[in-house]
Each structure stands twice: as structure tokens, then as C-alpha cells.
Amino acid sequence: MRDYREFLGEVLIPEDKLQARIAELGAQISRDYVGKDPILVCILRGGVLFLTDLMRKITIPHSIEFMAVSSYGVGGRQSSGKVRISLDLNVDIQNRNVILVEDIIDSGYTIAAVYDLLTTRKPASICVCTLLDKADRREVPVAVKYTGFSIPNKFVFGYGLDIDDYYRNLPFIGVVDLEKYQAGA
């Protein structure tokens, strides 16, 4: 696998800004959910880094769960609009306060489908917390309660977001220079 520096166009969000904003989100969730015992539902795989840092900044009791959901077709860069759940929750969320934790909302298909599905399970409340929001790309409406960063329509990677299943481990959000990436493929 190539070194990401060969096709890194720019660092869109450096590590210090990511961590500062995640701390702010954790503090806000802690204030909003005092006494409500929220359950953070992480959308795998991209949301894992965000979840782990976010939950360390939430100062009230909470639990976590995971779902594996996909709406991406072959190549993984364009939403198919068809959502597939490959891992469902292991707990009953009826009468629970659910916070969906997502790495990025683009077209909105995936998170809207998860939101609609989980709403049928009668939680006390349900909301969306996303690290990155590409509102300009939205194809279906999504109510986002907590947003880390609104970003332009660029192909991003790092901090949980992958390119062909690599580079999730980077501590920042980078932008792919597609010409350089495709030239080295």
C-alpha cells in the first residue's frame, strides 16, 4: 500500500482541532443528557475513532452499541441509495435515549435509513451526532443534532474514514488529490 503523503492534497482538519471539537461535543452531550442514561450507537467502521474519543469526553453514565451499515456500491465511493445492515444492535432500545454516532453524513441515505429503522423500536428519543457533515451533498433530509464540522464536497480520509479500507488510523482529516491517487493506482 502506498504512503498517503503521495496523494494527500491538504490536511482539512488537523488533530488538535478534531480533539478540541470532540471535547466540545462531549461536554454538550453531557449537559443535554444529564440523568437520561444515553446509549451511543456507533455506525461501523468509520465511526469507531470518533466514538472512542467522544465517549471519553462524555462525563455522564452512558453505554455503547454498534451497527454495521452500508449504502455504498462497488468501489465504496458512491452511495447506491440501498442500505444494508450487516450487524444489528444486541440490546433493546425501547424507552432509551439513543444517540447515533456517525463519521460522515454525505447523501444521507445510510443514516436516514438507520434512524427510521431504530425509530420503529420505540426509543425515548433518538438523535444524530456526526463528526463531518457534507450538507451540500444531501439527497435525503437528515436532522443532525450534533455536528463536529461542516465540510465542502471533497473526498476525505483519515480519523476513521478510509480509502479502500486503509488510512483510518490517521489522526487528522485529509483531502485526497484524486489525480495523484489515480495516477499511482
Foldseek 3Di string as FASTA:
>chain_A
DDDQVLFFPWFPWALVLLLVLLLVVLVVCLVVQVPQQAEEEEAPDLQVLSVVSNVVNNPHHYHYWYWHKAQADPQRDDGVLDMDTPGDTPDQQAQHEYEYEYAEQAQNSTVVVVVVVNVVSHYVYYAYAYAEYAPVRHNDDHGHDHYNYYDHPFDKEECRRDRVPDRPPHSTITGGNVVSVVVVD
